[in-house]
Amino acid sequence: MKNVYFFGDGKAEGAAEQKNTLGGKGANLAEMTNLGIPVPPGFTLTTNLCMDYLDHGVYPEVLDNDVQSAVEKIEAIMGQKFGDPDNPLLVSIRSGARQSMPGMMETVLNVGLTEKTIPGLIKKTKNPRFVYDSYRRLIIMYSDVVMEKAEGLELKHGKGIRELLEEIMDNMKTERGVTDDTELTADDLKNLCTKFKIKVKETLGSDFPDDPNSQLWGGISAVFKSWSGKRAISYRKIENIPNEWGTAVNVQTMVFGNMGDNSATGVAFTRNPATGENVFYGEWLINAQGEDVVAGTRTPQDLLFMNKSMPKIFQQLKKIFKLLEKKY
């Protein structure tokens, strides 16, 4: 049975009708890739694999080679190498069940950042602030999703590791006299990462992993395990979603919205999803990553304002949405 479906560079092994195997996200990433939309390359691990892993607690022996082969395909397209100290590739790991379960499943961004790959990314981007901002996000997400929730840890005092790390960050902002994360300097963020790692070891009893492959497999397994998390189980009961469906996992090249004021992230719909009105609809944030748009820590802008500040990108998005409307 095929466990890994690759997509990238205009070609995908999956398609929209394979939603049961690839999940909604994986199936549609494949479909958009085949349409020629510039989808960052990646691969999908199937819902069947999820259920097999949850039942037996181990992966098939061939999976390691299948994932390695898919990573090498991404490396060839991107001209970067996962774990390379000079030119590192970073990936995101996201869930994707066949029916959308908003906010129930887990995500880990910036996977592949380590003490060895940080200097190379700084040299390449000439942007240490961006690199340490990405690293502090990885530490927060990974310790929360992989080290705490996936392991079923119940911390004392009712505070999870994410909340404890965010308190450290809030204290630093107070000390610096700033209100937004974006106002912290590269040195502030570097210092924050050191404090975070100490807190993770102290609270969870183990070190934040400094190895790209450990991060990758930890993230994949944690997203599969999140299908069996308390929130996901409760949500499925309410929505009558069968437990045996499982979730797919999508591993995809990172694209960065937090590289400064010339980059951004957002969510877009070809029509208003609440009313069905035929207007291009969405929201976005400059110098941010996707979690910021939904976390409520900053107020996003209406998508239509992008036409003023980033007109070229806005026109590119409009072309994509017309292509999608025509297809569907």
Protein backbone atom coordinates (compact mmCIF):
# COMPACT_ATOMS: atom_id res chain seq x y z
CA MET A 1 0.00 0.00 0.00
CA LYS A 2 1.30 3.47 -0.92
CA ASN A 3 1.89 5.58 2.20
CA VAL A 4 3.56 8.71 0.79
CA TYR A 5 2.21 10.91 -2.03
CA PHE A 6 4.52 13.62 -3.39
CA PHE A 7 3.48 16.99 -4.85
CA GLY A 8 5.61 19.80 -6.29
CA ASP A 9 7.00 21.50 -9.39
CA GLY A 10 3.68 21.27 -11.25
CA LYS A 11 3.19 17.51 -10.74
CA ALA A 12 1.39 15.58 -7.99
CA GLU A 13 0.87 11.88 -7.32
CA GLY A 14 -2.54 12.50 -5.76
CA ALA A 15 -5.76 14.21 -6.88
CA ALA A 16 -8.93 15.79 -5.42
CA GLU A 17 -10.94 12.57 -5.60
CA GLN A 18 -8.49 10.84 -3.21
CA LYS A 19 -9.76 12.84 -0.24
CA ASN A 20 -10.43 9.71 1.83
CA THR A 21 -6.77 8.66 1.54
CA LEU A 22 -5.02 12.04 1.43
CA GLY A 23 -7.39 14.08 3.60
CA GLY A 24 -8.99 17.28 2.34
CA LYS A 25 -5.81 19.33 2.54
CA GLY A 26 -3.52 16.75 0.91
CA ALA A 27 -5.99 16.01 -1.91
CA ASN A 28 -6.46 19.69 -2.71
CA LEU A 29 -2.75 20.54 -2.47
CA ALA A 30 -2.23 17.81 -5.08
CA GLU A 31 -5.07 19.17 -7.23
CA MET A 32 -3.75 22.75 -7.07
CA THR A 33 -0.23 21.55 -7.91
CA ASN A 34 -1.57 19.77 -11.01
CA LEU A 35 -3.40 23.01 -11.97
CA GLY A 36 -0.05 24.82 -12.09
CA ILE A 37 -0.65 26.91 -8.96
CA PRO A 38 2.68 27.66 -7.17
CA VAL A 39 2.17 25.27 -4.25
CA PRO A 40 5.34 24.82 -2.13
CA PRO A 41 6.55 21.23 -2.70
CA GLY A 42 5.85 18.55 -0.12
CA PHE A 43 4.30 15.17 0.53
CA THR A 44 1.26 13.65 2.22
CA LEU A 45 1.28 10.67 4.59
CA THR A 46 -2.04 8.85 4.27
CA THR A 47 -5.02 8.41 6.59
CA ASN A 48 -4.55 4.60 6.33
CA LEU A 49 -1.03 5.00 7.70
CA CYS A 50 -2.45 7.09 10.56
CA MET A 51 -4.86 4.37 11.66
CA ASP A 52 -2.21 1.67 11.26
CA TYR A 53 0.20 3.69 13.43
CA LEU A 54 -2.44 4.40 16.10
CA ASP A 55 -3.40 0.70 16.20
CA HIS A 56 0.13 -0.73 16.37
CA GLY A 57 2.36 2.11 17.63
CA VAL A 58 4.99 1.50 14.91
CA TYR A 59 5.48 2.43 11.25
CA PRO A 60 6.01 0.01 8.35
CA GLU A 61 9.73 -0.67 7.74
CA VAL A 62 9.60 0.88 4.24
CA LEU A 63 8.31 4.22 5.51
CA ASP A 64 11.71 5.60 6.49
CA ASN A 65 12.99 5.17 2.91
CA ASP A 66 9.74 6.51 1.41
CA VAL A 67 9.93 9.69 3.50
CA GLN A 68 13.66 10.11 2.82
CA SER A 69 13.00 9.79 -0.92
CA ALA A 70 10.21 12.43 -0.73
CA VAL A 71 12.47 14.80 1.23
CA GLU A 72 15.17 14.38 -1.45
CA LYS A 73 12.64 15.33 -4.15
CA ILE A 74 11.83 18.54 -2.24
CA GLU A 75 15.57 19.25 -1.87
CA ALA A 76 16.09 18.87 -5.63
CA ILE A 77 13.26 21.32 -6.43
CA MET A 78 14.26 23.89 -3.79
CA GLY A 79 18.05 23.64 -4.18
CA GLN A 80 18.31 23.24 -0.38
CA LYS A 81 19.04 20.32 1.93
CA PHE A 82 17.17 19.31 5.08
CA GLY A 83 19.59 19.65 8.01
CA ASP A 84 22.33 21.25 5.88
CA PRO A 85 24.38 23.76 7.95
CA ASP A 86 24.94 26.13 4.98
CA ASN A 87 21.68 26.00 3.03
CA PRO A 88 18.98 24.43 5.20
CA LEU A 89 15.51 23.41 4.04
CA LEU A 90 12.75 23.96 6.61
CA VAL A 91 9.33 22.31 6.53
CA SER A 92 5.90 22.59 8.11
CA ILE A 93 3.95 19.58 9.41
CA ARG A 94 0.16 19.88 9.31
CA SER A 95 -2.86 17.64 9.78
CA GLY A 96 -5.61 17.18 7.22
CA ALA A 97 -8.60 14.90 7.79
CA ARG A 98 -11.11 14.20 5.00
CA GLN A 99 -13.55 16.59 6.74
CA SER A 100 -12.31 19.91 8.11
CA MET A 101 -11.85 19.97 11.91
CA PRO A 102 -10.82 23.60 12.53
CA GLY A 103 -8.63 24.15 15.58
CA MET A 104 -8.79 20.50 16.68
CA MET A 105 -5.66 19.10 15.09
CA GLU A 106 -2.01 20.12 15.39
CA THR A 107 0.63 21.98 13.36
CA VAL A 108 4.39 22.45 13.73
CA LEU A 109 6.22 25.12 11.69
CA ASN A 110 9.93 25.79 10.96
CA VAL A 111 10.97 22.16 11.42
CA GLY A 112 14.68 21.69 10.67
CA LEU A 113 15.98 24.72 12.59
CA THR A 114 18.79 23.66 14.94
CA GLU A 115 21.95 25.13 16.47
CA LYS A 116 23.80 23.84 13.36
CA THR A 117 21.39 25.19 10.73
CA ILE A 118 20.71 28.60 12.34
CA PRO A 119 24.08 30.21 11.30
CA GLY A 120 23.62 29.07 7.68
CA LEU A 121 20.12 30.52 7.45
CA ILE A 122 21.31 33.80 9.01
CA LYS A 123 24.16 34.01 6.49
CA LYS A 124 21.83 33.22 3.59
CA THR A 125 19.03 35.63 4.54
CA LYS A 126 21.18 38.29 6.28
CA ASN A 127 18.23 38.49 8.67
CA PRO A 128 19.04 37.16 12.16
CA ARG A 129 15.80 38.56 13.58
CA PHE A 130 13.73 36.45 11.18
CA VAL A 131 15.74 33.30 12.00
CA TYR A 132 15.42 33.63 15.78
CA ASP A 133 11.74 34.58 15.44
CA SER A 134 11.21 31.33 13.49
CA TYR A 135 13.24 29.37 16.05
CA ARG A 136 11.25 30.63 19.06
CA ARG A 137 8.05 29.67 17.21
CA LEU A 138 9.40 26.16 16.57
CA ILE A 139 10.33 25.70 20.24
CA ILE A 140 6.85 26.82 21.39
CA MET A 141 4.95 24.66 18.89
CA TYR A 142 7.14 21.58 19.17
CA SER A 143 7.25 21.51 22.97
CA ASP A 144 3.46 22.02 23.10
CA VAL A 145 2.38 19.62 20.33
CA VAL A 146 5.06 16.92 20.37
CA MET A 147 6.61 16.91 23.84
CA GLU A 148 3.50 17.65 25.92
CA LYS A 149 0.20 16.88 24.17
CA ALA A 150 1.32 13.88 22.10
CA GLU A 151 2.86 12.34 25.22
CA GLY A 152 -0.33 12.96 27.21
CA LEU A 153 1.47 14.96 29.91
CA GLU A 154 -0.66 16.72 32.52
CA LEU A 155 1.40 19.59 33.96
CA LYS A 156 1.05 20.91 37.49
CA HIS A 157 -0.80 24.18 38.18
CA GLY A 158 -2.94 23.65 35.05
CA LYS A 159 -0.60 25.63 32.79
CA GLY A 160 0.70 24.00 29.61
CA ILE A 161 4.21 24.55 28.27
CA ARG A 162 2.94 26.94 25.58
CA GLU A 163 1.41 29.20 28.23
CA LEU A 164 4.59 29.09 30.34
CA LEU A 165 6.77 30.03 27.36
CA GLU A 166 4.40 32.80 26.29
CA GLU A 167 4.59 34.22 29.84
CA ILE A 168 8.40 34.41 29.49
CA MET A 169 7.93 36.28 26.21
CA ASP A 170 5.34 38.64 27.70
CA ASN A 171 7.74 39.41 30.59
CA MET A 172 10.46 40.25 28.09
CA LYS A 173 8.12 42.58 26.17
CA THR A 174 7.24 44.32 29.44
CA GLU A 175 10.93 44.71 30.32
CA ARG A 176 11.64 46.18 26.88
CA GLY A 177 8.60 48.47 27.04
CA VAL A 178 7.06 47.07 23.82
CA THR A 179 3.64 45.58 23.04
CA ASP A 180 4.09 43.61 19.79
CA ASP A 181 6.27 40.55 19.17
CA THR A 182 7.59 42.33 16.06
CA GLU A 183 9.20 44.99 18.28
CA LEU A 184 11.60 42.51 19.89
CA THR A 185 15.12 42.60 18.40
CA ALA A 186 17.21 39.70 17.07
CA ASP A 187 19.20 39.67 20.33
CA ASP A 188 15.98 39.68 22.37
CA LEU A 189 14.69 36.68 20.41
CA LYS A 190 18.01 34.82 20.64
CA ASN A 191 17.95 35.32 24.40
CA LEU A 192 14.33 34.20 24.47
CA CYS A 193 15.19 30.93 22.66
CA THR A 194 17.83 30.14 25.31
CA LYS A 195 15.32 30.81 28.11
CA PHE A 196 12.68 28.73 26.33
CA LYS A 197 14.94 25.68 26.07
CA ILE A 198 15.83 25.87 29.76
CA LYS A 199 12.11 26.08 30.65
CA VAL A 200 11.25 23.13 28.37
CA LYS A 201 13.88 20.91 30.06
CA GLU A 202 12.82 22.06 33.53
CA THR A 203 9.07 21.55 32.87
CA LEU A 204 8.92 18.52 30.57
CA GLY A 205 12.00 16.69 31.79
CA SER A 206 13.72 16.36 28.41
CA ASP A 207 15.66 18.58 26.03
CA PHE A 208 14.16 20.27 22.99
CA PRO A 209 15.58 18.13 20.11
CA ASP A 210 18.49 19.68 18.24
CA ASP A 211 18.35 17.18 15.36
CA PRO A 212 16.30 17.81 12.15
CA ASN A 213 15.21 14.19 11.70
CA SER A 214 14.10 13.89 15.33
CA GLN A 215 12.02 17.04 14.82
CA LEU A 216 10.53 15.69 11.56
CA TRP A 217 9.48 12.29 12.91
CA GLY A 218 8.40 13.76 16.25
CA GLY A 219 6.13 16.18 14.38
CA ILE A 220 4.67 13.52 12.06
CA SER A 221 3.86 11.14 14.94
CA ALA A 222 2.41 13.94 17.08
CA VAL A 223 0.02 15.04 14.30
CA PHE A 224 -1.15 11.44 13.84
CA LYS A 225 -1.62 11.12 17.62
CA SER A 226 -3.65 14.35 17.69
CA TRP A 227 -6.43 12.38 15.95
CA SER A 228 -6.83 10.60 19.29
CA GLY A 229 -6.59 13.78 21.37
CA LYS A 230 -9.41 14.72 23.76
CA ARG A 231 -10.46 17.80 21.76
CA ALA A 232 -10.52 15.90 18.45
CA ILE A 233 -12.57 13.02 19.93
CA SER A 234 -15.12 15.44 21.45
CA TYR A 235 -15.38 17.35 18.15
CA ARG A 236 -15.96 14.13 16.18
CA LYS A 237 -18.79 13.13 18.53
CA ILE A 238 -20.52 16.48 18.01
CA GLU A 239 -20.03 16.43 14.22
CA ASN A 240 -20.66 12.67 13.79
CA ILE A 241 -17.26 12.07 12.19
CA PRO A 242 -16.24 8.37 12.33
CA ASN A 243 -13.18 7.56 14.45
CA GLU A 244 -11.85 5.16 11.81
CA TRP A 245 -11.30 7.90 9.21
CA GLY A 246 -7.96 9.05 10.64
CA THR A 247 -6.02 12.13 9.53
CA ALA A 248 -3.38 12.59 6.87
CA VAL A 249 -0.16 14.49 7.57
CA ASN A 250 1.19 17.09 5.13
CA VAL A 251 4.91 17.88 5.20
CA GLN A 252 5.56 20.96 3.10
CA THR A 253 8.36 23.40 2.33
CA MET A 254 8.19 26.45 4.61
CA VAL A 255 7.38 29.78 2.99
CA PHE A 256 8.04 32.68 5.31
CA GLY A 257 5.72 35.59 6.03
CA ASN A 258 7.92 36.83 8.89
CA MET A 259 10.98 38.04 6.97
CA GLY A 260 10.17 41.73 7.46
CA ASP A 261 7.76 44.33 6.10
CA ASN A 262 8.02 42.96 2.55
CA SER A 263 6.54 39.56 3.47
CA ALA A 264 3.16 38.51 4.82
CA THR A 265 0.81 35.63 5.56
CA GLY A 266 -2.93 35.20 5.37
CA VAL A 267 -6.06 33.22 4.63
CA ALA A 268 -8.09 33.75 1.45
CA PHE A 269 -11.42 32.55 0.04
CA THR A 270 -12.66 33.10 -3.51
CA ARG A 271 -16.03 34.07 -1.98
CA ASN A 272 -17.28 35.16 1.42
CA PRO A 273 -17.54 31.81 3.29
CA ALA A 274 -20.22 33.11 5.68
CA THR A 275 -22.64 34.61 3.15
CA GLY A 276 -21.59 33.15 -0.22
CA GLU A 277 -21.26 36.68 -1.64
CA ASN A 278 -19.11 36.63 -4.78
CA VAL A 279 -16.24 38.81 -3.47
CA PHE A 280 -12.59 37.90 -2.94
CA TYR A 281 -12.44 37.56 0.82
CA GLY A 282 -9.80 37.05 3.50
CA GLU A 283 -7.37 38.58 5.96
CA TRP A 284 -3.62 38.92 6.20
CA LEU A 285 -0.74 40.21 8.33
CA ILE A 286 2.59 41.75 7.36
CA ASN A 287 5.71 40.22 8.99
CA ALA A 288 3.93 37.23 10.54
CA GLN A 289 3.45 33.48 10.33
CA GLY A 290 0.10 31.76 9.83
CA GLU A 291 -0.59 31.12 13.51
CA ASP A 292 -0.63 34.91 14.15
CA VAL A 293 -3.64 35.37 11.85
CA VAL A 294 -5.80 32.96 13.86
CA ALA A 295 -4.30 33.35 17.36
CA GLY A 296 -5.77 36.79 18.05
CA THR A 297 -2.40 38.24 19.14
CA ARG A 298 -2.48 40.81 16.31
CA THR A 299 -5.35 42.27 14.31
CA PRO A 300 -5.26 41.14 10.66
CA GLN A 301 -6.08 43.46 7.75
CA ASP A 302 -8.83 42.94 5.20
CA LEU A 303 -7.42 41.18 2.14
CA LEU A 304 -8.56 43.95 -0.19
CA PHE A 305 -6.06 46.35 1.47
CA MET A 306 -3.29 44.21 -0.01
CA ASN A 307 -4.02 45.82 -3.37
CA LYS A 308 -2.52 49.05 -1.99
CA SER A 309 0.53 47.76 -0.12
CA MET A 310 1.45 44.67 -2.18
CA PRO A 311 -0.29 45.13 -5.55
CA LYS A 312 1.81 42.57 -7.49
CA ILE A 313 1.11 39.82 -4.94
CA PHE A 314 -2.56 40.77 -4.85
CA GLN A 315 -2.85 40.45 -8.65
CA GLN A 316 -1.11 37.05 -8.51
CA LEU A 317 -3.62 35.89 -5.87
CA LYS A 318 -6.51 37.12 -8.04
CA LYS A 319 -5.24 35.04 -10.97
CA ILE A 320 -5.10 31.98 -8.72
CA PHE A 321 -8.61 32.53 -7.41
CA LYS A 322 -9.99 32.90 -10.96
CA LEU A 323 -8.27 29.65 -11.92
CA LEU A 324 -9.83 27.88 -8.90
CA GLU A 325 -13.31 29.30 -9.56
CA LYS A 326 -13.07 28.15 -13.19
CA LYS A 327 -11.96 24.66 -12.13
CA TYR A 328 -14.64 24.21 -9.44
